[in-house]
Amino acid sequence: MGGVNQRLGELGIALPDVAAPVAAYVPAVRVGSQVWTSGQLPFVDGALPVTGKVGHGDGHVSPEQAVDLARTATLNALAAVAELAGSLDRVARVIKVVGFVASDPAFTGQPTVVNGASELLGQVFGEAGVHARSAVGVAVLPLDSPVEVELVVELR
């Protein structure tokens, strides 16, 4: 039985270091058998790779790029879970995903963007990665991030 870390390796994924909070909060909190993450931005090596609103056309973050950013934000959330739980092998199931998408007013593809998070969780955890979800369009996110992702997971 390989576990989640082996599965990550098979997928060619390395968990990043836990992203440092940008304000007065912690990356994740454990309550009983659940871990709730703070909203995680798609930081790569401590910086946002792109900023702005998701939409179509010049001057916008493309929906395809936003899907990848949601995936990155989810990896940051998983890193926070792993640090608090000791290992992702302790995750019994992903309960809930909340994805926020900083959207151009005409953009309505938030569910597709947040699929970047959901599909990654399915690849990593299989059936235990199937979850409830919200995909919310917002005017602006911290640091002008295009996406933000929160997770709630249950531990064994």
N, C-alpha and C. Protein backbone atom coordinates (compact mmCIF):
# COMPACT_ATOMS: atom_id res chain seq x y z
N MET A 1 0.84 -1.18 0.00
CA MET A 1 0.00 0.00 0.00
C MET A 1 0.89 1.24 0.00
N GLY A 2 0.80 2.05 -1.03
CA GLY A 2 1.74 3.12 -1.22
C GLY A 2 1.44 4.39 -0.47
N GLY A 3 0.21 4.76 -0.34
CA GLY A 3 -0.12 5.99 0.36
C GLY A 3 -0.11 7.20 -0.54
N VAL A 4 -0.49 8.30 0.06
CA VAL A 4 -0.66 9.54 -0.68
C VAL A 4 0.69 10.08 -1.17
N ASN A 5 1.72 10.00 -0.35
CA ASN A 5 3.02 10.51 -0.78
C ASN A 5 3.53 9.77 -2.02
N GLN A 6 3.32 8.46 -2.05
CA GLN A 6 3.71 7.70 -3.24
C GLN A 6 2.88 8.14 -4.44
N ARG A 7 1.59 8.36 -4.23
CA ARG A 7 0.72 8.79 -5.32
C ARG A 7 1.17 10.14 -5.85
N LEU A 8 1.54 11.06 -4.95
CA LEU A 8 2.06 12.36 -5.40
C LEU A 8 3.28 12.17 -6.28
N GLY A 9 4.18 11.28 -5.86
CA GLY A 9 5.38 11.00 -6.65
C GLY A 9 5.04 10.44 -8.01
N GLU A 10 4.07 9.53 -8.07
CA GLU A 10 3.64 8.96 -9.34
C GLU A 10 3.08 10.04 -10.27
N LEU A 11 2.45 11.05 -9.68
CA LEU A 11 1.88 12.15 -10.46
C LEU A 11 2.92 13.23 -10.78
N GLY A 12 4.15 13.05 -10.26
CA GLY A 12 5.20 14.05 -10.49
C GLY A 12 4.99 15.33 -9.70
N ILE A 13 4.33 15.20 -8.55
CA ILE A 13 4.00 16.37 -7.73
C ILE A 13 4.80 16.34 -6.44
N ALA A 14 5.42 17.46 -6.13
CA ALA A 14 6.08 17.66 -4.84
C ALA A 14 5.31 18.73 -4.09
N LEU A 15 4.95 18.46 -2.85
CA LEU A 15 4.28 19.49 -2.06
C LEU A 15 5.22 20.65 -1.82
N PRO A 16 4.73 21.86 -1.93
CA PRO A 16 5.57 23.03 -1.63
C PRO A 16 5.71 23.20 -0.12
N ASP A 17 6.59 24.09 0.27
CA ASP A 17 6.62 24.50 1.68
C ASP A 17 5.31 25.22 1.97
N VAL A 18 4.91 25.21 3.23
CA VAL A 18 3.69 25.91 3.61
C VAL A 18 3.88 27.40 3.37
N ALA A 19 2.91 28.00 2.69
CA ALA A 19 2.98 29.43 2.38
C ALA A 19 2.83 30.24 3.67
N ALA A 20 3.68 31.24 3.80
CA ALA A 20 3.61 32.11 4.97
C ALA A 20 2.33 32.95 4.90
N PRO A 21 1.62 33.08 6.02
CA PRO A 21 0.42 33.93 6.03
C PRO A 21 0.77 35.37 5.66
N VAL A 22 -0.17 36.03 4.97
CA VAL A 22 0.05 37.42 4.58
C VAL A 22 -0.64 38.39 5.53
N ALA A 23 -1.25 37.86 6.61
CA ALA A 23 -1.93 38.70 7.60
C ALA A 23 -1.96 37.92 8.92
N ALA A 24 -2.88 38.26 9.80
CA ALA A 24 -2.95 37.68 11.15
C ALA A 24 -3.83 36.43 11.19
N TYR A 25 -3.28 35.30 10.73
CA TYR A 25 -3.98 34.01 10.75
C TYR A 25 -2.94 32.91 10.65
N VAL A 26 -3.39 31.67 10.78
CA VAL A 26 -2.52 30.52 10.60
C VAL A 26 -2.96 29.77 9.34
N PRO A 27 -2.08 28.99 8.73
CA PRO A 27 -2.42 28.30 7.48
C PRO A 27 -3.55 27.27 7.62
N ALA A 28 -3.66 26.64 8.80
CA ALA A 28 -4.70 25.62 9.00
C ALA A 28 -4.95 25.45 10.49
N VAL A 29 -6.15 24.97 10.81
CA VAL A 29 -6.55 24.70 12.19
C VAL A 29 -7.20 23.33 12.23
N ARG A 30 -6.86 22.58 13.28
CA ARG A 30 -7.51 21.28 13.49
C ARG A 30 -8.61 21.44 14.52
N VAL A 31 -9.78 20.89 14.19
CA VAL A 31 -10.91 20.85 15.12
C VAL A 31 -11.39 19.41 15.15
N GLY A 32 -11.13 18.71 16.24
CA GLY A 32 -11.48 17.29 16.31
C GLY A 32 -10.75 16.53 15.23
N SER A 33 -11.51 15.82 14.39
CA SER A 33 -10.89 15.03 13.32
C SER A 33 -10.83 15.78 12.00
N GLN A 34 -11.14 17.07 12.02
CA GLN A 34 -11.13 17.85 10.79
C GLN A 34 -10.00 18.88 10.78
N VAL A 35 -9.49 19.16 9.58
CA VAL A 35 -8.55 20.25 9.37
C VAL A 35 -9.20 21.22 8.40
N TRP A 36 -9.24 22.49 8.80
CA TRP A 36 -9.77 23.58 7.98
C TRP A 36 -8.59 24.45 7.58
N THR A 37 -8.39 24.64 6.29
CA THR A 37 -7.31 25.52 5.87
C THR A 37 -7.83 26.95 5.74
N SER A 38 -6.94 27.88 5.93
CA SER A 38 -7.21 29.26 5.54
C SER A 38 -7.22 29.30 4.02
N GLY A 39 -7.76 30.36 3.47
CA GLY A 39 -7.71 30.52 2.03
C GLY A 39 -6.26 30.55 1.58
N GLN A 40 -5.95 29.72 0.60
CA GLN A 40 -4.58 29.63 0.10
C GLN A 40 -4.51 30.23 -1.30
N LEU A 41 -3.53 31.08 -1.49
CA LEU A 41 -3.29 31.70 -2.79
C LEU A 41 -2.32 30.81 -3.57
N PRO A 42 -2.21 31.02 -4.86
CA PRO A 42 -1.33 30.18 -5.68
C PRO A 42 0.14 30.63 -5.66
N PHE A 43 0.68 30.80 -4.47
CA PHE A 43 2.08 31.20 -4.35
C PHE A 43 2.99 30.11 -4.90
N VAL A 44 4.03 30.54 -5.59
CA VAL A 44 5.11 29.68 -6.03
C VAL A 44 6.39 30.34 -5.55
N ASP A 45 7.11 29.66 -4.68
CA ASP A 45 8.34 30.22 -4.10
C ASP A 45 8.08 31.59 -3.47
N GLY A 46 6.95 31.73 -2.79
CA GLY A 46 6.65 32.94 -2.04
C GLY A 46 6.07 34.10 -2.84
N ALA A 47 5.80 33.89 -4.12
CA ALA A 47 5.27 34.98 -4.95
C ALA A 47 4.12 34.48 -5.81
N LEU A 48 3.23 35.38 -6.17
CA LEU A 48 2.17 35.04 -7.11
C LEU A 48 2.74 35.07 -8.53
N PRO A 49 2.56 34.00 -9.31
CA PRO A 49 3.10 33.99 -10.66
C PRO A 49 2.39 34.95 -11.61
N VAL A 50 1.16 35.32 -11.28
CA VAL A 50 0.38 36.24 -12.11
C VAL A 50 -0.67 36.87 -11.20
N THR A 51 -1.11 38.06 -11.54
CA THR A 51 -2.16 38.73 -10.80
C THR A 51 -3.23 39.22 -11.77
N GLY A 52 -4.38 39.57 -11.23
CA GLY A 52 -5.43 40.17 -12.04
C GLY A 52 -6.71 39.36 -12.05
N LYS A 53 -7.63 39.81 -12.88
CA LYS A 53 -8.96 39.21 -13.00
C LYS A 53 -8.96 38.11 -14.04
N VAL A 54 -9.76 37.10 -13.79
CA VAL A 54 -9.94 36.02 -14.75
C VAL A 54 -11.03 36.44 -15.74
N GLY A 55 -10.75 36.24 -17.00
CA GLY A 55 -11.73 36.58 -18.03
C GLY A 55 -11.17 36.24 -19.40
N HIS A 56 -11.86 36.71 -20.41
CA HIS A 56 -11.45 36.45 -21.79
C HIS A 56 -10.88 37.73 -22.39
N GLY A 57 -9.82 37.59 -23.16
CA GLY A 57 -9.27 38.73 -23.87
C GLY A 57 -8.06 39.34 -23.20
N ASP A 58 -7.50 40.33 -23.88
CA ASP A 58 -6.28 40.99 -23.41
C ASP A 58 -6.49 41.61 -22.03
N GLY A 59 -5.43 41.56 -21.24
CA GLY A 59 -5.48 42.18 -19.92
C GLY A 59 -6.09 41.31 -18.84
N HIS A 60 -6.49 40.08 -19.19
CA HIS A 60 -7.08 39.17 -18.22
C HIS A 60 -6.23 37.92 -18.06
N VAL A 61 -6.34 37.30 -16.90
CA VAL A 61 -5.79 35.97 -16.70
C VAL A 61 -6.73 35.01 -17.42
N SER A 62 -6.20 34.16 -18.28
CA SER A 62 -7.05 33.26 -19.06
C SER A 62 -7.68 32.21 -18.14
N PRO A 63 -8.86 31.73 -18.48
CA PRO A 63 -9.46 30.66 -17.70
C PRO A 63 -8.55 29.43 -17.57
N GLU A 64 -7.84 29.11 -18.63
CA GLU A 64 -6.93 27.95 -18.59
C GLU A 64 -5.80 28.17 -17.59
N GLN A 65 -5.26 29.37 -17.58
CA GLN A 65 -4.21 29.69 -16.61
C GLN A 65 -4.78 29.67 -15.20
N ALA A 66 -6.02 30.13 -15.03
CA ALA A 66 -6.65 30.15 -13.71
C ALA A 66 -6.88 28.73 -13.18
N VAL A 67 -7.17 27.78 -14.08
CA VAL A 67 -7.31 26.37 -13.66
C VAL A 67 -6.00 25.91 -13.03
N ASP A 68 -4.87 26.21 -13.68
CA ASP A 68 -3.55 25.84 -13.13
C ASP A 68 -3.28 26.54 -11.81
N LEU A 69 -3.70 27.79 -11.68
CA LEU A 69 -3.52 28.53 -10.43
C LEU A 69 -4.34 27.92 -9.30
N ALA A 70 -5.55 27.46 -9.62
CA ALA A 70 -6.37 26.79 -8.61
C ALA A 70 -5.70 25.50 -8.14
N ARG A 71 -5.08 24.81 -9.06
CA ARG A 71 -4.33 23.60 -8.72
C ARG A 71 -3.16 23.93 -7.78
N THR A 72 -2.45 24.99 -8.09
CA THR A 72 -1.32 25.42 -7.26
C THR A 72 -1.79 25.83 -5.87
N ALA A 73 -2.88 26.58 -5.81
CA ALA A 73 -3.42 26.99 -4.51
C ALA A 73 -3.83 25.76 -3.69
N THR A 74 -4.34 24.75 -4.36
CA THR A 74 -4.74 23.52 -3.67
C THR A 74 -3.52 22.78 -3.14
N LEU A 75 -2.44 22.76 -3.90
CA LEU A 75 -1.20 22.16 -3.39
C LEU A 75 -0.72 22.90 -2.14
N ASN A 76 -0.87 24.21 -2.12
CA ASN A 76 -0.49 24.98 -0.93
C ASN A 76 -1.39 24.61 0.24
N ALA A 77 -2.67 24.40 -0.02
CA ALA A 77 -3.59 23.98 1.04
C ALA A 77 -3.22 22.59 1.55
N LEU A 78 -2.88 21.69 0.64
CA LEU A 78 -2.47 20.35 1.06
C LEU A 78 -1.19 20.38 1.88
N ALA A 79 -0.28 21.28 1.55
CA ALA A 79 0.94 21.43 2.35
C ALA A 79 0.59 21.86 3.78
N ALA A 80 -0.38 22.75 3.92
CA ALA A 80 -0.82 23.19 5.25
C ALA A 80 -1.46 22.04 6.02
N VAL A 81 -2.26 21.23 5.33
CA VAL A 81 -2.87 20.05 5.96
C VAL A 81 -1.78 19.08 6.41
N ALA A 82 -0.84 18.80 5.53
CA ALA A 82 0.23 17.84 5.84
C ALA A 82 1.06 18.31 7.05
N GLU A 83 1.35 19.59 7.11
CA GLU A 83 2.14 20.10 8.24
C GLU A 83 1.38 19.92 9.55
N LEU A 84 0.11 20.19 9.55
CA LEU A 84 -0.69 20.09 10.78
C LEU A 84 -0.97 18.64 11.15
N ALA A 85 -1.27 17.80 10.16
CA ALA A 85 -1.65 16.41 10.41
C ALA A 85 -0.45 15.48 10.55
N GLY A 86 0.71 15.91 10.07
CA GLY A 86 1.89 15.06 10.10
C GLY A 86 2.12 14.31 8.80
N SER A 87 1.05 14.04 8.07
CA SER A 87 1.15 13.32 6.79
C SER A 87 -0.19 13.39 6.08
N LEU A 88 -0.16 13.47 4.76
CA LEU A 88 -1.40 13.40 3.99
C LEU A 88 -2.00 12.00 4.03
N ASP A 89 -1.23 11.00 4.44
CA ASP A 89 -1.77 9.66 4.60
C ASP A 89 -2.82 9.61 5.70
N ARG A 90 -2.87 10.60 6.55
CA ARG A 90 -3.88 10.66 7.62
C ARG A 90 -5.22 11.19 7.12
N VAL A 91 -5.28 11.70 5.88
CA VAL A 91 -6.53 12.24 5.35
C VAL A 91 -7.46 11.08 4.99
N ALA A 92 -8.62 11.03 5.65
CA ALA A 92 -9.62 10.01 5.37
C ALA A 92 -10.48 10.42 4.17
N ARG A 93 -10.78 11.72 4.08
CA ARG A 93 -11.54 12.23 2.94
C ARG A 93 -11.48 13.73 2.90
N VAL A 94 -11.65 14.25 1.70
CA VAL A 94 -11.81 15.68 1.51
C VAL A 94 -13.31 15.95 1.64
N ILE A 95 -13.67 16.86 2.55
CA ILE A 95 -15.07 17.14 2.81
C ILE A 95 -15.58 18.27 1.92
N LYS A 96 -14.84 19.38 1.88
CA LYS A 96 -15.35 20.58 1.21
C LYS A 96 -14.20 21.36 0.59
N VAL A 97 -14.47 21.91 -0.57
CA VAL A 97 -13.57 22.84 -1.25
C VAL A 97 -14.36 24.12 -1.50
N VAL A 98 -13.75 25.24 -1.17
CA VAL A 98 -14.31 26.54 -1.54
C VAL A 98 -13.27 27.23 -2.40
N GLY A 99 -13.67 27.59 -3.61
CA GLY A 99 -12.78 28.28 -4.53
C GLY A 99 -13.33 29.65 -4.86
N PHE A 100 -12.48 30.65 -4.73
CA PHE A 100 -12.83 32.03 -5.07
C PHE A 100 -12.07 32.40 -6.33
N VAL A 101 -12.76 33.05 -7.26
CA VAL A 101 -12.16 33.45 -8.53
C VAL A 101 -12.39 34.95 -8.70
N ALA A 102 -11.30 35.72 -8.74
CA ALA A 102 -11.41 37.15 -9.02
C ALA A 102 -11.78 37.28 -10.49
N SER A 103 -13.00 37.72 -10.74
CA SER A 103 -13.58 37.59 -12.08
C SER A 103 -13.90 38.93 -12.72
N ASP A 104 -13.60 39.02 -14.02
CA ASP A 104 -14.15 40.09 -14.83
C ASP A 104 -15.67 39.97 -14.73
N PRO A 105 -16.41 41.08 -14.70
CA PRO A 105 -17.87 40.99 -14.54
C PRO A 105 -18.58 40.11 -15.58
N ALA A 106 -18.00 39.94 -16.75
CA ALA A 106 -18.62 39.12 -17.78
C ALA A 106 -18.25 37.64 -17.68
N PHE A 107 -17.32 37.30 -16.79
CA PHE A 107 -16.84 35.92 -16.71
C PHE A 107 -17.74 35.10 -15.79
N THR A 108 -18.21 33.96 -16.29
CA THR A 108 -19.10 33.09 -15.51
C THR A 108 -18.58 31.66 -15.42
N GLY A 109 -17.31 31.46 -15.69
CA GLY A 109 -16.73 30.11 -15.70
C GLY A 109 -16.05 29.71 -14.41
N GLN A 110 -16.49 30.25 -13.28
CA GLN A 110 -15.87 29.92 -12.01
C GLN A 110 -15.84 28.42 -11.73
N PRO A 111 -16.93 27.67 -12.01
CA PRO A 111 -16.87 26.22 -11.76
C PRO A 111 -15.74 25.52 -12.52
N THR A 112 -15.50 25.92 -13.75
CA THR A 112 -14.43 25.31 -14.53
C THR A 112 -13.07 25.64 -13.92
N VAL A 113 -12.89 26.87 -13.46
CA VAL A 113 -11.62 27.25 -12.83
C VAL A 113 -11.38 26.39 -11.59
N VAL A 114 -12.38 26.26 -10.74
CA VAL A 114 -12.22 25.52 -9.49
C VAL A 114 -12.08 24.02 -9.73
N ASN A 115 -12.42 23.56 -10.95
CA ASN A 115 -12.13 22.17 -11.31
C ASN A 115 -10.64 21.88 -11.19
N GLY A 116 -9.79 22.89 -11.33
CA GLY A 116 -8.36 22.69 -11.14
C GLY A 116 -8.06 22.12 -9.76
N ALA A 117 -8.80 22.57 -8.76
CA ALA A 117 -8.67 22.05 -7.40
C ALA A 117 -9.29 20.66 -7.28
N SER A 118 -10.53 20.55 -7.74
CA SER A 118 -11.28 19.31 -7.58
C SER A 118 -10.62 18.13 -8.30
N GLU A 119 -10.17 18.36 -9.51
CA GLU A 119 -9.56 17.28 -10.27
C GLU A 119 -8.24 16.83 -9.64
N LEU A 120 -7.46 17.78 -9.13
CA LEU A 120 -6.22 17.41 -8.44
C LEU A 120 -6.53 16.54 -7.23
N LEU A 121 -7.51 16.92 -6.43
CA LEU A 121 -7.86 16.15 -5.24
C LEU A 121 -8.32 14.74 -5.61
N GLY A 122 -9.05 14.61 -6.71
CA GLY A 122 -9.44 13.29 -7.17
C GLY A 122 -8.25 12.45 -7.60
N GLN A 123 -7.28 13.08 -8.28
CA GLN A 123 -6.09 12.35 -8.71
C GLN A 123 -5.27 11.89 -7.50
N VAL A 124 -5.18 12.72 -6.49
CA VAL A 124 -4.34 12.42 -5.32
C VAL A 124 -5.01 11.43 -4.38
N PHE A 125 -6.31 11.63 -4.09
CA PHE A 125 -6.98 10.84 -3.06
C PHE A 125 -7.98 9.81 -3.60
N GLY A 126 -8.21 9.78 -4.91
CA GLY A 126 -9.19 8.85 -5.46
C GLY A 126 -10.58 9.17 -4.92
N GLU A 127 -11.33 8.15 -4.57
CA GLU A 127 -12.71 8.32 -4.08
C GLU A 127 -12.76 9.21 -2.83
N ALA A 128 -11.73 9.16 -2.00
CA ALA A 128 -11.69 10.00 -0.80
C ALA A 128 -11.52 11.48 -1.13
N GLY A 129 -11.20 11.78 -2.38
CA GLY A 129 -11.05 13.17 -2.80
C GLY A 129 -12.33 13.78 -3.34
N VAL A 130 -13.41 12.99 -3.44
CA VAL A 130 -14.70 13.51 -3.90
C VAL A 130 -15.31 14.33 -2.77
N HIS A 131 -15.76 15.55 -3.09
CA HIS A 131 -16.11 16.51 -2.04
C HIS A 131 -17.29 17.39 -2.43
N ALA A 132 -17.85 18.06 -1.43
CA ALA A 132 -18.79 19.15 -1.68
C ALA A 132 -17.96 20.37 -2.07
N ARG A 133 -18.59 21.34 -2.77
CA ARG A 133 -17.78 22.45 -3.29
C ARG A 133 -18.61 23.69 -3.55
N SER A 134 -17.95 24.83 -3.40
CA SER A 134 -18.50 26.11 -3.84
C SER A 134 -17.45 26.76 -4.74
N ALA A 135 -17.92 27.39 -5.83
CA ALA A 135 -17.05 28.14 -6.74
C ALA A 135 -17.65 29.53 -6.85
N VAL A 136 -16.96 30.52 -6.30
CA VAL A 136 -17.52 31.85 -6.11
C VAL A 136 -16.73 32.89 -6.89
N GLY A 137 -17.42 33.70 -7.66
CA GLY A 137 -16.78 34.82 -8.35
C GLY A 137 -16.79 36.03 -7.43
N VAL A 138 -15.65 36.70 -7.32
CA VAL A 138 -15.51 37.88 -6.47
C VAL A 138 -14.84 39.00 -7.24
N ALA A 139 -14.98 40.21 -6.71
CA ALA A 139 -14.41 41.39 -7.38
C ALA A 139 -12.89 41.43 -7.28
N VAL A 140 -12.36 41.08 -6.13
CA VAL A 140 -10.91 41.14 -5.92
C VAL A 140 -10.54 40.20 -4.79
N LEU A 141 -9.32 39.66 -4.86
CA LEU A 141 -8.78 38.79 -3.82
C LEU A 141 -7.50 39.42 -3.26
N PRO A 142 -7.02 38.94 -2.10
CA PRO A 142 -5.80 39.49 -1.53
C PRO A 142 -4.64 39.51 -2.53
N LEU A 143 -3.88 40.57 -2.51
CA LEU A 143 -2.70 40.75 -3.35
C LEU A 143 -3.02 40.70 -4.84
N ASP A 144 -4.28 40.88 -5.19
CA ASP A 144 -4.76 40.81 -6.57
C ASP A 144 -4.60 39.42 -7.17
N SER A 145 -4.65 38.40 -6.30
CA SER A 145 -4.57 37.01 -6.77
C SER A 145 -5.79 36.68 -7.63
N PRO A 146 -5.61 35.89 -8.68
CA PRO A 146 -6.75 35.48 -9.49
C PRO A 146 -7.64 34.43 -8.81
N VAL A 147 -7.05 33.60 -7.93
CA VAL A 147 -7.81 32.53 -7.27
C VAL A 147 -7.37 32.37 -5.82
N GLU A 148 -8.25 31.77 -5.04
CA GLU A 148 -7.97 31.40 -3.66
C GLU A 148 -8.76 30.13 -3.38
N VAL A 149 -8.16 29.19 -2.64
CA VAL A 149 -8.80 27.90 -2.37
C VAL A 149 -8.72 27.59 -0.88
N GLU A 150 -9.84 27.10 -0.33
CA GLU A 150 -9.91 26.60 1.05
C GLU A 150 -10.29 25.12 1.01
N LEU A 151 -9.77 24.34 1.95
CA LEU A 151 -10.13 22.94 2.08
C LEU A 151 -10.60 22.62 3.49
N VAL A 152 -11.50 21.65 3.58
CA VAL A 152 -11.85 21.01 4.85
C VAL A 152 -11.66 19.53 4.62
N VAL A 153 -10.84 18.89 5.46
CA VAL A 153 -10.58 17.47 5.33
C VAL A 153 -10.83 16.77 6.66
N GLU A 154 -11.15 15.50 6.57
CA GLU A 154 -11.31 14.66 7.76
C GLU A 154 -10.08 13.77 7.88
N LEU A 155 -9.56 13.66 9.10
CA LEU A 155 -8.40 12.82 9.35
C LEU A 155 -8.83 11.47 9.94
N ARG A 156 -7.98 10.47 9.72
CA ARG A 156 -8.20 9.16 10.34
C ARG A 156 -7.75 9.22 11.78
